[in-house]
Protein backbone atom coordinates (compact mmCIF):
# COMPACT_ATOMS: atom_id res chain seq x y z
CA MET A 1 133.23 202.36 -60.48
CA ASP A 2 131.39 204.90 -62.81
CA ASN A 3 129.68 203.20 -65.82
CA ASP A 4 131.39 205.44 -68.42
CA VAL A 5 134.82 204.89 -66.76
CA VAL A 6 134.11 201.14 -66.90
CA LYS A 7 133.29 201.28 -70.68
CA ASN A 8 136.72 203.30 -71.26
CA VAL A 9 138.95 201.07 -69.37
CA VAL A 10 137.50 197.56 -69.42
CA SER A 11 139.56 195.32 -71.85
CA GLY A 12 139.34 191.53 -71.53
CA VAL A 13 137.82 188.24 -72.47
CA LEU A 14 134.54 186.65 -71.62
CA VAL A 15 134.31 182.92 -72.25
CA VAL A 16 130.79 181.78 -72.76
CA ASP A 17 129.29 178.37 -72.92
CA LYS A 18 127.07 179.14 -76.03
CA PRO A 19 123.93 177.23 -75.95
CA VAL A 20 122.28 175.51 -79.01
CA GLY A 21 119.95 177.70 -80.92
CA LEU A 22 121.81 180.92 -80.83
CA THR A 23 124.22 182.38 -83.46
CA SER A 24 127.72 183.56 -82.26
CA HIS A 25 126.65 187.00 -83.24
CA ASP A 26 123.57 186.71 -80.97
CA VAL A 27 125.92 186.11 -78.03
CA VAL A 28 127.95 189.14 -78.95
CA GLN A 29 124.94 191.29 -79.11
CA ILE A 30 123.69 190.09 -75.67
CA ILE A 31 127.21 190.89 -74.35
CA ARG A 32 127.25 194.35 -75.99
CA ARG A 33 123.88 195.28 -74.35
CA GLY A 34 124.82 193.61 -71.06
CA THR A 35 128.14 195.46 -70.56
CA GLY A 36 127.19 198.77 -72.35
CA ILE A 37 130.39 198.29 -74.40
CA ARG A 38 130.05 198.38 -78.21
CA ARG A 39 133.42 196.98 -78.86
CA ALA A 40 132.99 193.30 -78.76
CA GLY A 41 133.79 190.38 -80.91
CA HIS A 42 133.96 186.58 -81.11
CA THR A 43 137.05 184.78 -82.19
CA GLY A 44 135.49 181.86 -84.00
CA THR A 45 131.95 181.20 -85.27
CA LEU A 46 130.11 178.34 -83.81
CA ASP A 47 127.05 177.28 -85.70
CA PRO A 48 123.65 177.82 -84.14
CA ARG A 49 123.27 174.00 -83.68
CA ALA A 50 126.66 173.87 -82.01
CA SER A 51 127.25 174.57 -78.31
CA GLY A 52 130.22 175.22 -76.21
CA VAL A 53 133.35 177.41 -75.70
CA LEU A 54 132.89 180.93 -77.45
CA VAL A 55 135.63 183.36 -76.75
CA VAL A 56 134.45 187.09 -76.80
CA LEU A 57 136.88 189.91 -76.55
CA VAL A 58 135.59 193.06 -75.00
CA GLY A 59 136.81 196.59 -75.30
CA PRO A 60 140.50 197.29 -76.74
CA ALA A 61 141.19 193.50 -76.53
CA VAL A 62 139.12 193.13 -79.76
CA ARG A 63 142.52 194.11 -81.53
CA LEU A 64 143.82 190.54 -80.40
CA SER A 65 141.20 189.00 -82.57
CA GLU A 66 143.30 187.98 -85.58
CA PHE A 67 145.83 186.18 -83.07
CA VAL A 68 143.16 184.52 -80.84
CA SER A 69 141.09 183.31 -83.78
CA ALA A 70 143.88 181.60 -85.26
CA SER A 71 144.37 179.31 -82.12
CA ASP A 72 143.70 175.69 -82.14
CA LYS A 73 140.24 174.22 -81.39
CA ARG A 74 138.90 170.88 -79.82
CA TYR A 75 135.47 169.50 -80.22
CA GLN A 76 133.23 166.59 -79.20
CA ALA A 77 131.42 165.53 -82.42
CA THR A 78 128.59 163.31 -82.71
CA ILE A 79 128.63 161.60 -86.34
CA ARG A 80 125.70 159.56 -87.63
CA LEU A 81 127.00 156.83 -89.93
CA GLY A 82 124.76 155.47 -92.82
CA SER A 83 123.12 158.71 -94.17
CA ARG A 84 124.22 161.73 -96.02
CA SER A 85 123.24 165.32 -95.86
CA ASP A 86 123.76 168.04 -98.47
CA THR A 87 124.84 170.39 -95.66
CA TYR A 88 126.94 167.61 -94.00
CA ASP A 89 124.94 168.06 -90.89
CA SER A 90 121.28 167.50 -89.75
CA GLU A 91 120.21 170.96 -90.91
CA GLY A 92 120.19 169.61 -94.62
CA ILE A 93 118.32 167.26 -96.78
CA ILE A 94 119.09 163.62 -95.66
CA THR A 95 119.76 161.17 -98.31
CA ASP A 96 120.65 157.56 -98.56
CA SER A 97 119.19 157.23 -95.07
CA GLU A 98 119.91 154.13 -92.89
CA MET A 99 122.43 152.53 -94.95
CA PRO A 100 123.86 149.50 -93.23
CA VAL A 101 127.05 150.16 -91.27
CA ASP A 102 129.20 147.14 -91.56
CA VAL A 103 132.38 148.40 -89.71
CA THR A 104 133.82 147.51 -86.19
CA GLU A 105 135.14 150.05 -83.79
CA GLU A 106 138.64 148.80 -84.48
CA GLN A 107 138.20 149.26 -88.19
CA PHE A 108 136.79 152.78 -87.74
CA ASN A 109 139.63 153.69 -85.31
CA GLU A 110 142.14 152.55 -87.88
CA MET A 111 140.47 154.53 -90.68
CA ILE A 112 140.19 157.82 -88.94
CA MET A 113 143.91 157.77 -88.10
CA GLY A 114 144.42 158.55 -91.88
CA TYR A 115 142.77 162.15 -91.05
CA VAL A 116 145.36 162.92 -88.31
CA GLY A 117 148.26 165.17 -89.36
CA GLU A 118 148.53 167.96 -92.00
CA ILE A 119 145.75 167.25 -94.44
CA GLU A 120 143.92 168.78 -97.37
CA GLN A 121 140.19 169.48 -96.64
CA VAL A 122 137.52 170.87 -98.83
CA PRO A 123 134.99 173.22 -96.95
CA PRO A 124 131.35 172.31 -97.12
CA PRO A 125 129.19 173.88 -99.94
CA TYR A 126 127.05 175.31 -97.25
CA SER A 127 129.86 177.39 -95.52
CA ALA A 128 130.69 181.18 -95.25
CA VAL A 129 133.76 180.70 -97.52
CA LYS A 130 133.48 183.36 -100.26
CA VAL A 131 133.36 182.23 -103.85
CA GLN A 132 133.87 185.24 -106.27
CA GLY A 133 132.80 187.73 -103.53
CA LYS A 134 129.75 185.74 -102.46
CA LYS A 135 129.29 183.22 -99.60
CA ALA A 136 129.40 179.76 -100.64
CA TYR A 137 126.01 178.93 -98.78
CA GLU A 138 124.32 181.77 -100.55
CA ARG A 139 125.30 180.27 -103.94
CA ALA A 140 124.27 176.66 -102.78
CA ARG A 141 120.88 177.83 -101.43
CA GLN A 142 120.28 179.31 -105.10
CA GLY A 143 121.05 175.93 -106.50
CA GLU A 144 124.50 176.70 -107.95
CA GLU A 145 126.99 174.12 -107.90
CA VAL A 146 129.71 175.24 -105.62
CA GLU A 147 133.26 174.19 -106.10
CA LEU A 148 135.44 175.18 -103.16
CA GLU A 149 139.34 174.86 -103.16
CA PRO A 150 140.83 172.39 -100.69
CA ARG A 151 142.81 174.05 -97.78
CA MET A 152 145.63 172.60 -95.68
CA ILE A 153 144.50 172.07 -92.10
CA ASN A 154 146.04 170.14 -89.02
CA VAL A 155 144.22 167.56 -87.14
CA TYR A 156 146.31 166.72 -84.20
CA ASN A 157 144.17 164.02 -82.56
CA LEU A 158 141.13 162.09 -83.07
CA GLU A 159 139.69 159.68 -80.62
CA VAL A 160 136.52 157.55 -80.39
CA LEU A 161 134.65 158.64 -77.00
CA GLU A 162 131.65 156.54 -77.69
CA TRP A 163 130.90 153.70 -80.09
CA ALA A 164 127.05 153.31 -80.48
CA PRO A 165 126.51 152.69 -84.24
CA PRO A 166 124.94 154.26 -86.14
CA GLU A 167 126.20 157.10 -84.03
CA VAL A 168 129.77 157.69 -82.85
CA VAL A 169 131.06 160.36 -80.67
CA ILE A 170 134.66 161.53 -81.40
CA ASP A 171 137.16 164.08 -79.78
CA VAL A 172 138.57 166.28 -82.53
CA TYR A 173 141.50 168.39 -81.72
CA CYS A 174 142.54 170.67 -84.61
CA SER A 175 143.72 173.89 -86.23
CA SER A 176 141.70 176.84 -86.79
CA GLY A 177 139.73 176.69 -90.08
CA THR A 178 138.91 172.89 -89.83
CA TYR A 179 135.35 172.03 -90.67
CA VAL A 180 134.17 169.11 -88.53
CA ARG A 181 131.15 168.71 -90.84
CA SER A 182 133.63 168.19 -93.73
CA LEU A 183 135.43 165.49 -91.48
CA ALA A 184 132.25 163.72 -90.91
CA ASN A 185 131.30 163.66 -94.47
CA ASP A 186 134.66 162.49 -95.76
CA ILE A 187 134.72 159.71 -93.07
CA GLY A 188 131.31 158.54 -94.51
CA GLU A 189 132.51 158.73 -98.12
CA GLU A 190 135.60 156.64 -97.11
CA LEU A 191 133.29 153.97 -95.43
CA GLU A 192 130.94 154.09 -98.54
CA VAL A 193 127.84 154.32 -96.36
CA GLY A 194 127.69 158.17 -95.85
CA ALA A 195 127.82 160.12 -92.67
CA HIS A 196 126.88 163.59 -91.36
CA LEU A 197 127.28 165.62 -88.19
CA VAL A 198 124.31 165.50 -85.69
CA GLY A 199 125.88 167.02 -82.61
CA LEU A 200 128.94 169.37 -81.98
CA ARG A 201 130.34 170.80 -78.80
CA ARG A 202 133.50 173.12 -78.72
CA THR A 203 135.29 171.89 -75.43
CA LYS A 204 138.35 174.17 -76.08
CA SER A 205 139.41 177.29 -78.02
CA GLY A 206 143.02 178.41 -77.73
CA ARG A 207 143.79 178.21 -74.08
CA PHE A 208 140.20 178.40 -72.93
CA THR A 209 138.28 175.35 -71.94
CA LEU A 210 134.60 174.71 -70.82
CA ARG A 211 136.14 175.16 -67.24
CA ASP A 212 136.83 178.75 -68.05
CA ALA A 213 133.33 179.21 -69.54
CA ILE A 214 130.20 180.77 -67.92
CA SER A 215 126.72 179.92 -69.13
CA LEU A 216 124.71 182.55 -70.75
CA ARG A 217 121.90 182.27 -68.16
CA ARG A 218 124.44 183.08 -65.29
CA LEU A 219 126.23 185.78 -67.35
CA ARG A 220 122.68 187.55 -68.09
CA GLU A 221 121.82 187.21 -64.35
CA ALA A 222 125.24 188.97 -63.62
CA PHE A 223 124.51 191.75 -66.13
CA GLU A 224 121.29 192.41 -64.23
CA ALA A 225 123.12 192.35 -60.87
CA GLY A 226 125.87 194.55 -62.17
CA SER A 227 128.49 191.94 -61.19
CA TRP A 228 129.55 190.65 -64.71
CA ALA A 229 132.93 192.09 -64.43
CA GLN A 230 134.05 189.30 -62.05
CA TYR A 231 133.96 187.01 -64.97
CA LEU A 232 136.20 189.07 -67.31
CA ILE A 233 139.49 187.48 -67.91
CA PRO A 234 142.45 189.82 -68.35
CA ALA A 235 143.34 190.43 -72.02
CA SER A 236 146.89 189.11 -71.35
CA GLU A 237 145.63 185.72 -70.66
CA ALA A 238 143.87 185.54 -74.27
CA LEU A 239 147.37 184.43 -75.70
CA GLY A 240 148.39 182.62 -72.43
CA ASP A 241 150.35 180.06 -74.47
CA TRP A 242 152.55 182.93 -75.89
CA PRO A 243 155.78 183.80 -74.13
CA MET A 244 155.53 186.58 -71.71
CA ILE A 245 158.03 189.37 -71.06
CA GLU A 246 157.56 191.43 -68.01
CA LEU A 247 158.25 195.25 -68.29
CA ASP A 248 159.35 197.63 -65.69
CA ALA A 249 158.02 201.18 -65.66
CA ASP A 250 160.67 202.61 -67.94
CA GLU A 251 160.22 199.68 -70.47
CA VAL A 252 156.41 200.24 -70.61
CA GLU A 253 156.99 203.95 -71.68
CA LYS A 254 159.47 202.85 -74.19
CA VAL A 255 157.30 200.20 -75.68
CA ARG A 256 154.18 202.63 -75.69
CA HIS A 257 156.28 204.99 -77.86
CA GLY A 258 157.16 202.12 -80.30
CA HIS A 259 160.82 201.88 -79.17
CA ARG A 260 162.67 198.49 -79.24
CA LEU A 261 163.96 196.49 -76.39
CA PRO A 262 166.81 194.23 -76.36
CA ALA A 263 165.86 190.50 -76.59
CA GLU A 264 167.43 187.37 -75.06
CA PRO A 265 169.94 185.55 -77.52
CA ASP A 266 167.66 182.57 -77.73
CA ALA A 267 164.36 184.61 -78.31
CA VAL A 268 162.37 183.98 -81.43
CA GLY A 269 158.92 184.76 -82.85
CA TRP A 270 156.10 186.65 -80.93
CA ALA A 271 155.53 187.35 -77.29
CA ARG A 272 153.29 189.23 -74.90
CA ALA A 273 154.71 192.28 -73.17
CA VAL A 274 153.10 192.70 -69.83
CA SER A 275 153.52 195.38 -67.20
CA MET A 276 154.37 194.58 -63.58
CA GLN A 277 150.74 195.14 -62.71
CA GLY A 278 149.69 192.34 -65.22
CA ASP A 279 148.28 194.58 -67.96
CA LEU A 280 148.92 193.73 -71.56
CA VAL A 281 151.18 196.56 -72.94
CA ALA A 282 151.84 195.15 -76.35
CA LEU A 283 152.40 192.26 -78.63
CA ILE A 284 156.05 192.17 -79.60
CA GLU A 285 158.22 190.30 -82.21
CA VAL A 286 161.95 189.58 -82.33
CA VAL A 287 163.78 191.27 -85.14
CA PRO A 288 166.41 188.43 -85.63
CA GLU A 289 169.23 190.66 -87.24
CA ASP A 290 169.29 192.96 -84.29
CA GLN A 291 167.94 190.50 -81.57
CA GLU A 292 165.59 193.16 -80.32
CA TRP A 293 161.91 193.17 -79.50
CA GLN A 294 159.91 195.33 -81.87
CA PRO A 295 156.38 196.51 -80.61
CA ARG A 296 153.76 195.34 -83.26
CA LYS A 297 150.44 196.17 -81.53
CA VAL A 298 150.48 198.45 -78.45
CA PHE A 299 147.57 198.29 -76.02
CA PHE A 300 148.63 200.15 -72.88
CA SER A 301 147.24 203.80 -73.11
CA SER A 302 146.81 204.99 -69.35
């Protein structure tokens, strides 16, 4: 296929296993250069010291970003007990180093259960949360006291994977917007010995897991070989946990022009409207009083 044609029609998802040391933006830039497609964006930042699943939307699929970014995440987090950090991770200044950790695995397990459910969490002072138009970490680096408002998050599951004090590895399954660094710090404060995050690997983002991810090395090789498109996941799968409504040719035309379609009596919320060829046509939402699907974001244009 002609390269210019590819640039115009390609729309989908590249799931990358981000290595430690690169920013999420670095990965997006590598994908832009490798594909020749300027429209690309990730759906949830991973810190440079973190690795794992980074979902990158390519082409018109970038318009799914607000929906994919809101998806739940899963992490494997390594927490060091007995020492605090001003950034809540190993990047910062370590204080109270090597405090004795007098807690059993059973006590730790019982304690972290208090963090499961809908909870309030204060983001770290060194975060990208904006305070009066300026990022919190910029203020913190200038020596300002940063007071951030707590926000509601959901932690669905916490489980100890490895107990080797002073380090403990836990599985964290949580809503988008959760700061695992803050979770580590809060756990340390409750134990009264301090704690900070020393390792973070994202194992799942939305419906995508490490099984779906390609290493950056292999992706770069595929760019050089011109075979990268084999790793592109259809845009319709980016929201694979949403209900799917398959449209015939006439319905595709109607939705393309913003016309509503009848909805099933029990239909609620949002769904993906997909053509019989498997292309994402639109994101649609039920209008309850009329029991009809209203197109909210239309993608199909050919």
